[in-house]
Amino acid sequence: MTQGIGLQHSLDRIDTLPALPVIAQKLLTLALDTDEGEAQLLKLIAQDPQISAKIIGLSNSALFGSPRKITSVSDAAMCLGLTQVKSVAIGIATMSALAKQSEGKLKSADLWTHNMAIANAMRVIARHMPARLRPMDDQIFLAGLLHDIGYNVLSFLDSSASDGLYEKLNAPTDDSLLNIEQQLLGTHHGELGARLALHWGLPEEIIAVIRFHHMPDNPDAEAGQPLVSLVHLAEKIMPDFGIPEHTGQQILPQEWIALGIEATEQDAIVQEVNTVAEQAKQLAIA
């Protein structure tokens, strides 16, 4: 358990982790309900070449299926929608803050592909939810992109522990993900990510999603509902790729009911999500 002890020591110094990037701070507080807000969004993104390039690349991917070649951020905003562009930009900025020149076995590109696929799967599921329960589009996408940021934290703090976890997750096992992580690390990726999100001052519902997306029945998960349940269901439906999280368990009827989804819609949703998974694989190859 030496890895767990070392990791806990690092967590006790959470304030030594990188600060939330300035662009993410500005975007989190930026309202998009005015022409000025829209213009400011595009201006902020245009000032960051990495974010601009990634958003344009996503717009041209099979996940979003643009009928024409996207070559600018403003075109991308028309293709993806302003709220999704904002969420993607925040996701890119936050994950970039934890990037290291020398990566271990848990690659940031794999994590990004996984998170993007889950965000899109959540979007599919949410379309079938009644309006009274459905979260806002920007909340859905941001929750999907950041739900597993704890893995980025782990890689940043302790690359050897991250490599050890990667090997454990890729080995045959009947044990649950959280048990594996608890035994190896003395904590789990949800807690790691939530500690960073708290340090960064991210919204309360996003912190709850990060901490409880594998434990949606925890009473403290209520602060992030229904986003917590939405992430949990998306990960159960979607085949493991990018990160082998062993989430392909049976979906219980109450998990659909919690999101207000009728039994007659479930097969269609699973088919749609599987299509998203195939499109996300193309994103991983690109």
C-alpha atoms as a PDB file:
ATOM      1  CA  MET A   1       0.000   0.000   0.000  1.00  0.00           C
ATOM      2  CA  THR A   2       3.018   2.270  -0.344  1.00  0.00           C
ATOM      3  CA  GLN A   3       1.521   3.708  -3.525  1.00  0.00           C
ATOM      4  CA  GLY A   4      -1.634   4.635  -1.601  1.00  0.00           C
ATOM      5  CA  ILE A   5       0.371   6.304   1.144  1.00  0.00           C
ATOM      6  CA  GLY A   6       2.428   8.283  -1.371  1.00  0.00           C
ATOM      7  CA  LEU A   7      -0.673   9.329  -3.253  1.00  0.00           C
ATOM      8  CA  GLN A   8      -2.378  10.487  -0.059  1.00  0.00           C
ATOM      9  CA  HIS A   9       0.677  12.594   0.753  1.00  0.00           C
ATOM     10  CA  SER A  10       0.375  14.201  -2.684  1.00  0.00           C
ATOM     11  CA  LEU A  11      -3.339  14.822  -2.176  1.00  0.00           C
ATOM     12  CA  ASP A  12      -2.605  16.564   1.111  1.00  0.00           C
ATOM     13  CA  ARG A  13      -0.758  19.095  -1.050  1.00  0.00           C
ATOM     14  CA  ILE A  14      -3.551  19.473  -3.603  1.00  0.00           C
ATOM     15  CA  ASP A  15      -2.804  23.182  -3.893  1.00  0.00           C
ATOM     16  CA  THR A  16       0.463  22.271  -5.619  1.00  0.00           C
ATOM     17  CA  LEU A  17      -1.499  21.020  -8.625  1.00  0.00           C
ATOM     18  CA  PRO A  18      -1.755  23.408 -11.594  1.00  0.00           C
ATOM     19  CA  ALA A  19      -4.246  26.251 -11.287  1.00  0.00           C
ATOM     20  CA  LEU A  20      -7.404  26.212 -13.377  1.00  0.00           C
ATOM     21  CA  PRO A  21      -6.353  27.758 -16.718  1.00  0.00           C
ATOM     22  CA  VAL A  22      -7.428  31.377 -17.151  1.00  0.00           C
ATOM     23  CA  ILE A  23      -9.384  30.582 -20.314  1.00  0.00           C
ATOM     24  CA  ALA A  24     -11.402  27.924 -18.447  1.00  0.00           C
ATOM     25  CA  GLN A  25     -12.110  30.403 -15.632  1.00  0.00           C
ATOM     26  CA  LYS A  26     -13.416  32.952 -18.133  1.00  0.00           C
ATOM     27  CA  LEU A  27     -15.492  30.408 -20.059  1.00  0.00           C
ATOM     28  CA  LEU A  28     -17.125  28.999 -16.907  1.00  0.00           C
ATOM     29  CA  THR A  29     -18.524  32.420 -16.050  1.00  0.00           C
ATOM     30  CA  LEU A  30     -19.392  33.417 -19.625  1.00  0.00           C
ATOM     31  CA  ALA A  31     -23.118  33.692 -20.400  1.00  0.00           C
ATOM     32  CA  LEU A  32     -24.111  32.849 -23.964  1.00  0.00           C
ATOM     33  CA  ASP A  33     -27.564  34.445 -23.993  1.00  0.00           C
ATOM     34  CA  THR A  34     -26.385  37.683 -25.625  1.00  0.00           C
ATOM     35  CA  ASP A  35     -24.605  38.576 -28.871  1.00  0.00           C
ATOM     36  CA  GLU A  36     -21.757  39.964 -26.771  1.00  0.00           C
ATOM     37  CA  GLY A  37     -21.377  36.629 -24.951  1.00  0.00           C
ATOM     38  CA  GLU A  38     -21.261  34.710 -28.233  1.00  0.00           C
ATOM     39  CA  ALA A  39     -18.645  37.082 -29.652  1.00  0.00           C
ATOM     40  CA  GLN A  40     -16.543  36.816 -26.487  1.00  0.00           C
ATOM     41  CA  LEU A  41     -16.668  33.009 -26.638  1.00  0.00           C
ATOM     42  CA  LEU A  42     -15.354  32.916 -30.194  1.00  0.00           C
ATOM     43  CA  LYS A  43     -12.708  35.548 -29.389  1.00  0.00           C
ATOM     44  CA  LEU A  44     -11.421  33.622 -26.350  1.00  0.00           C
ATOM     45  CA  ILE A  45     -11.181  30.344 -28.285  1.00  0.00           C
ATOM     46  CA  ALA A  46      -9.534  31.993 -31.299  1.00  0.00           C
ATOM     47  CA  GLN A  47      -6.751  33.222 -28.975  1.00  0.00           C
ATOM     48  CA  ASP A  48      -5.813  29.618 -28.109  1.00  0.00           C
ATOM     49  CA  PRO A  49      -4.468  27.710 -31.157  1.00  0.00           C
ATOM     50  CA  GLN A  50      -4.593  24.297 -29.433  1.00  0.00           C
ATOM     51  CA  ILE A  51      -8.249  24.624 -28.440  1.00  0.00           C
ATOM     52  CA  SER A  52      -9.187  26.096 -31.829  1.00  0.00           C
ATOM     53  CA  ALA A  53      -7.536  23.252 -33.750  1.00  0.00           C
ATOM     54  CA  LYS A  54      -9.128  20.574 -31.586  1.00  0.00           C
ATOM     55  CA  ILE A  55     -12.625  22.073 -31.876  1.00  0.00           C
ATOM     56  CA  ILE A  56     -12.308  22.361 -35.660  1.00  0.00           C
ATOM     57  CA  GLY A  57     -11.061  18.760 -35.813  1.00  0.00           C
ATOM     58  CA  LEU A  58     -14.000  17.527 -33.741  1.00  0.00           C
ATOM     59  CA  SER A  59     -16.440  19.382 -35.981  1.00  0.00           C
ATOM     60  CA  ASN A  60     -15.110  17.439 -38.956  1.00  0.00           C
ATOM     61  CA  SER A  61     -15.319  14.062 -37.180  1.00  0.00           C
ATOM     62  CA  ALA A  62     -17.984  11.386 -37.682  1.00  0.00           C
ATOM     63  CA  LEU A  63     -19.278  12.121 -34.172  1.00  0.00           C
ATOM     64  CA  PHE A  64     -20.780  15.388 -35.361  1.00  0.00           C
ATOM     65  CA  GLY A  65     -21.255  14.603 -39.037  1.00  0.00           C
ATOM     66  CA  SER A  66     -20.895  18.033 -40.588  1.00  0.00           C
ATOM     67  CA  PRO A  67     -22.008  17.945 -44.256  1.00  0.00           C
ATOM     68  CA  ARG A  68     -19.182  20.315 -45.231  1.00  0.00           C
ATOM     69  CA  LYS A  69     -15.562  20.911 -44.315  1.00  0.00           C
ATOM     70  CA  ILE A  70     -15.227  23.065 -41.180  1.00  0.00           C
ATOM     71  CA  THR A  71     -12.237  25.418 -41.314  1.00  0.00           C
ATOM     72  CA  SER A  72     -12.903  28.037 -38.609  1.00  0.00           C
ATOM     73  CA  VAL A  73     -14.064  28.282 -35.003  1.00  0.00           C
ATOM     74  CA  SER A  74     -17.145  30.270 -36.044  1.00  0.00           C
ATOM     75  CA  ASP A  75     -18.092  27.488 -38.501  1.00  0.00           C
ATOM     76  CA  ALA A  76     -17.490  24.957 -35.727  1.00  0.00           C
ATOM     77  CA  ALA A  77     -19.817  26.903 -33.440  1.00  0.00           C
ATOM     78  CA  MET A  78     -22.547  26.657 -36.075  1.00  0.00           C
ATOM     79  CA  CYS A  79     -21.918  22.911 -36.425  1.00  0.00           C
ATOM     80  CA  LEU A  80     -21.604  21.972 -32.744  1.00  0.00           C
ATOM     81  CA  GLY A  81     -23.655  24.729 -31.158  1.00  0.00           C
ATOM     82  CA  LEU A  82     -22.289  27.413 -28.841  1.00  0.00           C
ATOM     83  CA  THR A  83     -22.951  25.510 -25.606  1.00  0.00           C
ATOM     84  CA  GLN A  84     -21.035  22.452 -26.822  1.00  0.00           C
ATOM     85  CA  VAL A  85     -18.158  24.556 -28.121  1.00  0.00           C
ATOM     86  CA  LYS A  86     -17.938  26.204 -24.713  1.00  0.00           C
ATOM     87  CA  SER A  87     -17.959  22.847 -22.877  1.00  0.00           C
ATOM     88  CA  VAL A  88     -15.399  21.298 -25.226  1.00  0.00           C
ATOM     89  CA  ALA A  89     -13.104  24.312 -24.809  1.00  0.00           C
ATOM     90  CA  ILE A  90     -13.316  24.031 -21.004  1.00  0.00           C
ATOM     91  CA  GLY A  91     -12.645  20.290 -21.230  1.00  0.00           C
ATOM     92  CA  ILE A  92      -9.588  20.765 -23.446  1.00  0.00           C
ATOM     93  CA  ALA A  93      -8.203  23.542 -21.230  1.00  0.00           C
ATOM     94  CA  THR A  94      -8.623  21.597 -17.985  1.00  0.00           C
ATOM     95  CA  MET A  95      -7.122  18.372 -19.328  1.00  0.00           C
ATOM     96  CA  SER A  96      -4.226  20.273 -20.908  1.00  0.00           C
ATOM     97  CA  ALA A  97      -3.387  21.744 -17.501  1.00  0.00           C
ATOM     98  CA  LEU A  98      -2.601  18.222 -16.295  1.00  0.00           C
ATOM     99  CA  ALA A  99      -0.653  17.124 -19.376  1.00  0.00           C
ATOM    100  CA  LYS A 100       2.946  15.972 -18.971  1.00  0.00           C
ATOM    101  CA  GLN A 101       5.628  15.704 -21.618  1.00  0.00           C
ATOM    102  CA  SER A 102       6.380  12.105 -20.696  1.00  0.00           C
ATOM    103  CA  GLU A 103       3.183  10.039 -20.474  1.00  0.00           C
ATOM    104  CA  GLY A 104       2.763   6.646 -18.868  1.00  0.00           C
ATOM    105  CA  LYS A 105       0.509   3.810 -19.992  1.00  0.00           C
ATOM    106  CA  LEU A 106      -2.719   5.701 -19.368  1.00  0.00           C
ATOM    107  CA  LYS A 107      -2.657   8.054 -22.350  1.00  0.00           C
ATOM    108  CA  SER A 108      -4.367  11.443 -22.269  1.00  0.00           C
ATOM    109  CA  ALA A 109      -5.556  10.865 -25.865  1.00  0.00           C
ATOM    110  CA  ASP A 110      -7.343   7.673 -24.780  1.00  0.00           C
ATOM    111  CA  LEU A 111      -8.923   9.479 -21.848  1.00  0.00           C
ATOM    112  CA  TRP A 112     -10.072  12.301 -24.139  1.00  0.00           C
ATOM    113  CA  THR A 113     -11.639   9.857 -26.612  1.00  0.00           C
ATOM    114  CA  HIS A 114     -13.412   8.017 -23.789  1.00  0.00           C
ATOM    115  CA  ASN A 115     -14.718  11.246 -22.280  1.00  0.00           C
ATOM    116  CA  MET A 116     -15.885  12.614 -25.626  1.00  0.00           C
ATOM    117  CA  ALA A 117     -17.704   9.346 -26.374  1.00  0.00           C
ATOM    118  CA  ILE A 118     -19.426   9.373 -22.977  1.00  0.00           C
ATOM    119  CA  ALA A 119     -20.443  13.034 -23.408  1.00  0.00           C
ATOM    120  CA  ASN A 120     -22.053  12.203 -26.750  1.00  0.00           C
ATOM    121  CA  ALA A 121     -23.712   9.074 -25.352  1.00  0.00           C
ATOM    122  CA  MET A 122     -25.172  11.207 -22.553  1.00  0.00           C
ATOM    123  CA  ARG A 123     -26.512  13.610 -25.149  1.00  0.00           C
ATOM    124  CA  VAL A 124     -28.253  10.697 -26.922  1.00  0.00           C
ATOM    125  CA  ILE A 125     -29.818   9.419 -23.692  1.00  0.00           C
ATOM    126  CA  ALA A 126     -30.871  12.907 -22.558  1.00  0.00           C
ATOM    127  CA  ARG A 127     -32.876  13.457 -25.749  1.00  0.00           C
ATOM    128  CA  HIS A 128     -35.212  10.692 -24.535  1.00  0.00           C
ATOM    129  CA  MET A 129     -35.660  12.222 -21.077  1.00  0.00           C
ATOM    130  CA  PRO A 130     -38.736  14.330 -20.283  1.00  0.00           C
ATOM    131  CA  ALA A 131     -38.005  18.071 -20.419  1.00  0.00           C
ATOM    132  CA  ARG A 132     -38.703  18.502 -16.687  1.00  0.00           C
ATOM    133  CA  LEU A 133     -35.800  16.156 -15.831  1.00  0.00           C
ATOM    134  CA  ARG A 134     -33.382  16.858 -18.674  1.00  0.00           C
ATOM    135  CA  PRO A 135     -30.217  18.796 -17.727  1.00  0.00           C
ATOM    136  CA  MET A 136     -28.979  21.738 -19.789  1.00  0.00           C
ATOM    137  CA  ASP A 137     -26.898  20.835 -22.851  1.00  0.00           C
ATOM    138  CA  ASP A 138     -23.765  22.553 -21.551  1.00  0.00           C
ATOM    139  CA  GLN A 139     -24.059  20.678 -18.228  1.00  0.00           C
ATOM    140  CA  ILE A 140     -24.431  17.346 -20.033  1.00  0.00           C
ATOM    141  CA  PHE A 141     -21.376  17.853 -22.199  1.00  0.00           C
ATOM    142  CA  LEU A 142     -19.139  19.294 -19.479  1.00  0.00           C
ATOM    143  CA  ALA A 143     -20.069  16.471 -17.077  1.00  0.00           C
ATOM    144  CA  GLY A 144     -19.209  13.896 -19.732  1.00  0.00           C
ATOM    145  CA  LEU A 145     -15.885  15.492 -20.601  1.00  0.00           C
ATOM    146  CA  LEU A 146     -14.710  15.894 -16.993  1.00  0.00           C
ATOM    147  CA  HIS A 147     -16.202  12.847 -15.236  1.00  0.00           C
ATOM    148  CA  ASP A 148     -12.939  10.850 -15.379  1.00  0.00           C
ATOM    149  CA  ILE A 149     -10.471  13.695 -14.853  1.00  0.00           C
ATOM    150  CA  GLY A 150      -9.319  11.827 -11.742  1.00  0.00           C
ATOM    151  CA  TYR A 151      -7.279   9.575 -14.032  1.00  0.00           C
ATOM    152  CA  ASN A 152      -5.448  12.659 -15.332  1.00  0.00           C
ATOM    153  CA  VAL A 153      -4.823  13.712 -11.729  1.00  0.00           C
ATOM    154  CA  LEU A 154      -3.424  10.261 -10.923  1.00  0.00           C
ATOM    155  CA  SER A 155      -1.072  10.342 -13.930  1.00  0.00           C
ATOM    156  CA  PHE A 156       0.089  13.836 -12.976  1.00  0.00           C
ATOM    157  CA  LEU A 157       0.705  13.024  -9.306  1.00  0.00           C
ATOM    158  CA  ASP A 158       2.089   9.494  -9.523  1.00  0.00           C
ATOM    159  CA  SER A 159       2.871   7.980 -12.922  1.00  0.00           C
ATOM    160  CA  SER A 160       4.032   4.659 -11.432  1.00  0.00           C
ATOM    161  CA  ALA A 161       0.731   4.250  -9.561  1.00  0.00           C
ATOM    162  CA  SER A 162      -1.101   5.166 -12.761  1.00  0.00           C
ATOM    163  CA  ASP A 163       0.833   2.521 -14.718  1.00  0.00           C
ATOM    164  CA  GLY A 164       0.127  -0.054 -12.006  1.00  0.00           C
ATOM    165  CA  LEU A 165      -3.582   0.699 -12.150  1.00  0.00           C
ATOM    166  CA  TYR A 166      -3.593   0.482 -15.948  1.00  0.00           C
ATOM    167  CA  GLU A 167      -2.074  -3.012 -15.781  1.00  0.00           C
ATOM    168  CA  LYS A 168      -4.593  -4.108 -13.140  1.00  0.00           C
ATOM    169  CA  LEU A 169      -7.535  -2.824 -15.172  1.00  0.00           C
ATOM    170  CA  ASN A 170      -6.311  -4.647 -18.270  1.00  0.00           C
ATOM    171  CA  ALA A 171      -5.965  -7.970 -16.428  1.00  0.00           C
ATOM    172  CA  PRO A 172      -8.917 -10.419 -16.244  1.00  0.00           C
ATOM    173  CA  THR A 173     -10.845  -9.891 -12.996  1.00  0.00           C
ATOM    174  CA  ASP A 174     -14.282 -10.224 -11.447  1.00  0.00           C
ATOM    175  CA  ASP A 175     -13.534  -7.418  -9.001  1.00  0.00           C
ATOM    176  CA  SER A 176     -15.213  -4.025  -9.343  1.00  0.00           C
ATOM    177  CA  LEU A 177     -13.329  -0.987 -10.566  1.00  0.00           C
ATOM    178  CA  LEU A 178     -13.653   0.863  -7.253  1.00  0.00           C
ATOM    179  CA  ASN A 179     -12.394  -2.146  -5.274  1.00  0.00           C
ATOM    180  CA  ILE A 180      -9.373  -2.483  -7.561  1.00  0.00           C
ATOM    181  CA  GLU A 181      -8.535   1.199  -7.171  1.00  0.00           C
ATOM    182  CA  GLN A 182      -9.143   1.237  -3.433  1.00  0.00           C
ATOM    183  CA  GLN A 183      -6.824  -1.724  -2.887  1.00  0.00           C
ATOM    184  CA  LEU A 184      -4.071  -0.335  -5.088  1.00  0.00           C
ATOM    185  CA  LEU A 185      -4.310   3.393  -4.376  1.00  0.00           C
ATOM    186  CA  GLY A 186      -6.161   3.729  -1.079  1.00  0.00           C
ATOM    187  CA  THR A 187      -8.673   5.931  -2.929  1.00  0.00           C
ATOM    188  CA  HIS A 188     -10.430   6.003  -6.325  1.00  0.00           C
ATOM    189  CA  HIS A 189     -10.322   8.170  -9.439  1.00  0.00           C
ATOM    190  CA  GLY A 190     -13.631   9.834  -8.575  1.00  0.00           C
ATOM    191  CA  GLU A 191     -12.239  11.142  -5.309  1.00  0.00           C
ATOM    192  CA  LEU A 192      -8.998  12.277  -6.951  1.00  0.00           C
ATOM    193  CA  GLY A 193     -10.891  14.221  -9.597  1.00  0.00           C
ATOM    194  CA  ALA A 194     -13.341  15.707  -7.099  1.00  0.00           C
ATOM    195  CA  ARG A 195     -10.499  17.006  -4.923  1.00  0.00           C
ATOM    196  CA  LEU A 196      -9.040  18.815  -7.937  1.00  0.00           C
ATOM    197  CA  ALA A 197     -12.471  20.093  -9.038  1.00  0.00           C
ATOM    198  CA  LEU A 198     -13.036  21.485  -5.539  1.00  0.00           C
ATOM    199  CA  HIS A 199      -9.588  23.117  -5.601  1.00  0.00           C
ATOM    200  CA  TRP A 200     -10.477  24.663  -8.961  1.00  0.00           C
ATOM    201  CA  GLY A 201     -13.878  25.874  -7.779  1.00  0.00           C
ATOM    202  CA  LEU A 202     -15.836  23.986 -10.437  1.00  0.00           C
ATOM    203  CA  PRO A 203     -19.653  23.947 -10.148  1.00  0.00           C
ATOM    204  CA  GLU A 204     -21.100  21.802  -7.355  1.00  0.00           C
ATOM    205  CA  GLU A 205     -22.979  19.507  -9.746  1.00  0.00           C
ATOM    206  CA  ILE A 206     -19.805  18.792 -11.746  1.00  0.00           C
ATOM    207  CA  ILE A 207     -17.886  17.949  -8.553  1.00  0.00           C
ATOM    208  CA  ALA A 208     -20.663  15.508  -7.588  1.00  0.00           C
ATOM    209  CA  VAL A 209     -20.560  13.898 -11.057  1.00  0.00           C
ATOM    210  CA  ILE A 210     -16.804  13.419 -10.850  1.00  0.00           C
ATOM    211  CA  ARG A 211     -16.963  11.949  -7.328  1.00  0.00           C
ATOM    212  CA  PHE A 212     -20.071   9.745  -7.589  1.00  0.00           C
ATOM    213  CA  HIS A 213     -20.499   8.629 -11.216  1.00  0.00           C
ATOM    214  CA  HIS A 214     -19.773   5.032 -10.160  1.00  0.00           C
ATOM    215  CA  MET A 215     -21.947   5.414  -7.037  1.00  0.00           C
ATOM    216  CA  PRO A 216     -25.182   7.091  -8.192  1.00  0.00           C
ATOM    217  CA  ASP A 217     -27.134   5.727  -5.206  1.00  0.00           C
ATOM    218  CA  ASN A 218     -24.900   7.507  -2.675  1.00  0.00           C
ATOM    219  CA  PRO A 219     -27.093  10.085  -0.865  1.00  0.00           C
ATOM    220  CA  ASP A 220     -24.426  12.761  -1.434  1.00  0.00           C
ATOM    221  CA  ALA A 221     -24.714  12.246  -5.203  1.00  0.00           C
ATOM    222  CA  GLU A 222     -28.010  14.162  -5.127  1.00  0.00           C
ATOM    223  CA  ALA A 223     -26.162  17.461  -5.716  1.00  0.00           C
ATOM    224  CA  GLY A 224     -25.240  16.218  -9.186  1.00  0.00           C
ATOM    225  CA  GLN A 225     -28.445  14.457 -10.213  1.00  0.00           C
ATOM    226  CA  PRO A 226     -29.609  13.600 -12.801  1.00  0.00           C
ATOM    227  CA  LEU A 227     -26.157  14.122 -14.367  1.00  0.00           C
ATOM    228  CA  VAL A 228     -24.583  11.492 -12.080  1.00  0.00           C
ATOM    229  CA  SER A 229     -27.096   8.851 -13.174  1.00  0.00           C
ATOM    230  CA  LEU A 230     -26.738   9.932 -16.801  1.00  0.00           C
ATOM    231  CA  VAL A 231     -22.947   9.384 -16.777  1.00  0.00           C
ATOM    232  CA  HIS A 232     -23.372   6.071 -14.937  1.00  0.00           C
ATOM    233  CA  LEU A 233     -25.889   4.781 -17.476  1.00  0.00           C
ATOM    234  CA  ALA A 234     -23.810   5.946 -20.457  1.00  0.00           C
ATOM    235  CA  GLU A 235     -20.770   4.074 -19.132  1.00  0.00           C
ATOM    236  CA  LYS A 236     -22.827   0.917 -18.617  1.00  0.00           C
ATOM    237  CA  ILE A 237     -24.208   0.990 -22.158  1.00  0.00           C
ATOM    238  CA  MET A 238     -20.994   1.938 -23.902  1.00  0.00           C
ATOM    239  CA  PRO A 239     -18.391  -0.782 -24.428  1.00  0.00           C
ATOM    240  CA  ASP A 240     -15.101  -0.209 -22.622  1.00  0.00           C
ATOM    241  CA  PHE A 241     -12.564   1.569 -24.761  1.00  0.00           C
ATOM    242  CA  GLY A 242      -9.873   4.040 -23.928  1.00  0.00           C
ATOM    243  CA  ILE A 243     -10.205   2.973 -20.305  1.00  0.00           C
ATOM    244  CA  PRO A 244     -11.240  -0.575 -19.343  1.00  0.00           C
ATOM    245  CA  GLU A 245     -13.515   0.414 -16.448  1.00  0.00           C
ATOM    246  CA  HIS A 246     -15.428  -2.892 -16.262  1.00  0.00           C
ATOM    247  CA  THR A 247     -18.718  -1.013 -16.436  1.00  0.00           C
ATOM    248  CA  GLY A 248     -20.615  -3.361 -18.748  1.00  0.00           C
ATOM    249  CA  GLN A 249     -22.914  -4.631 -16.025  1.00  0.00           C
ATOM    250  CA  GLN A 250     -26.601  -5.328 -16.375  1.00  0.00           C
ATOM    251  CA  ILE A 251     -28.711  -2.170 -16.492  1.00  0.00           C
ATOM    252  CA  LEU A 252     -31.456  -2.281 -13.890  1.00  0.00           C
ATOM    253  CA  PRO A 253     -35.000  -1.077 -14.722  1.00  0.00           C
ATOM    254  CA  GLN A 254     -34.810   1.598 -12.026  1.00  0.00           C
ATOM    255  CA  GLU A 255     -31.795   3.168 -13.735  1.00  0.00           C
ATOM    256  CA  TRP A 256     -33.968   4.003 -16.758  1.00  0.00           C
ATOM    257  CA  ILE A 257     -36.893   5.017 -14.545  1.00  0.00           C
ATOM    258  CA  ALA A 258     -34.677   7.450 -12.596  1.00  0.00           C
ATOM    259  CA  LEU A 259     -34.160   9.371 -15.846  1.00  0.00           C
ATOM    260  CA  GLY A 260     -37.841   9.236 -16.799  1.00  0.00           C
ATOM    261  CA  ILE A 261     -37.191   6.976 -19.802  1.00  0.00           C
ATOM    262  CA  GLU A 262     -39.894   4.563 -20.976  1.00  0.00           C
ATOM    263  CA  ALA A 263     -39.091   0.855 -21.393  1.00  0.00           C
ATOM    264  CA  THR A 264     -40.184   1.030 -25.036  1.00  0.00           C
ATOM    265  CA  GLU A 265     -37.331   3.462 -25.824  1.00  0.00           C
ATOM    266  CA  GLN A 266     -34.470   1.533 -24.258  1.00  0.00           C
ATOM    267  CA  ASP A 267     -33.467  -0.662 -27.212  1.00  0.00           C
ATOM    268  CA  ALA A 268     -33.391   2.325 -29.567  1.00  0.00           C
ATOM    269  CA  ILE A 269     -31.206   4.261 -27.125  1.00  0.00           C
ATOM    270  CA  VAL A 270     -28.721   1.396 -26.825  1.00  0.00           C
ATOM    271  CA  GLN A 271     -28.498   1.212 -30.623  1.00  0.00           C
ATOM    272  CA  GLU A 272     -27.900   4.956 -30.888  1.00  0.00           C
ATOM    273  CA  VAL A 273     -25.189   4.823 -28.215  1.00  0.00           C
ATOM    274  CA  ASN A 274     -23.470   1.923 -29.986  1.00  0.00           C
ATOM    275  CA  THR A 275     -23.374   4.082 -33.121  1.00  0.00           C
ATOM    276  CA  VAL A 276     -21.705   6.832 -31.073  1.00  0.00           C
ATOM    277  CA  ALA A 277     -19.151   4.264 -29.865  1.00  0.00           C
ATOM    278  CA  GLU A 278     -18.262   3.342 -33.456  1.00  0.00           C
ATOM    279  CA  GLN A 279     -17.910   7.018 -34.385  1.00  0.00           C
ATOM    280  CA  ALA A 280     -15.720   7.632 -31.338  1.00  0.00           C
ATOM    281  CA  LYS A 281     -13.418   4.816 -32.459  1.00  0.00           C
ATOM    282  CA  GLN A 282     -12.875   6.753 -35.687  1.00  0.00           C
ATOM    283  CA  LEU A 283     -12.018   9.800 -33.568  1.00  0.00           C
ATOM    284  CA  ALA A 284      -9.425   7.701 -31.744  1.00  0.00           C
ATOM    285  CA  ILE A 285      -7.857   6.601 -35.034  1.00  0.00           C
ATOM    286  CA  ALA A 286      -7.820  10.115 -36.546  1.00  0.00           C
END
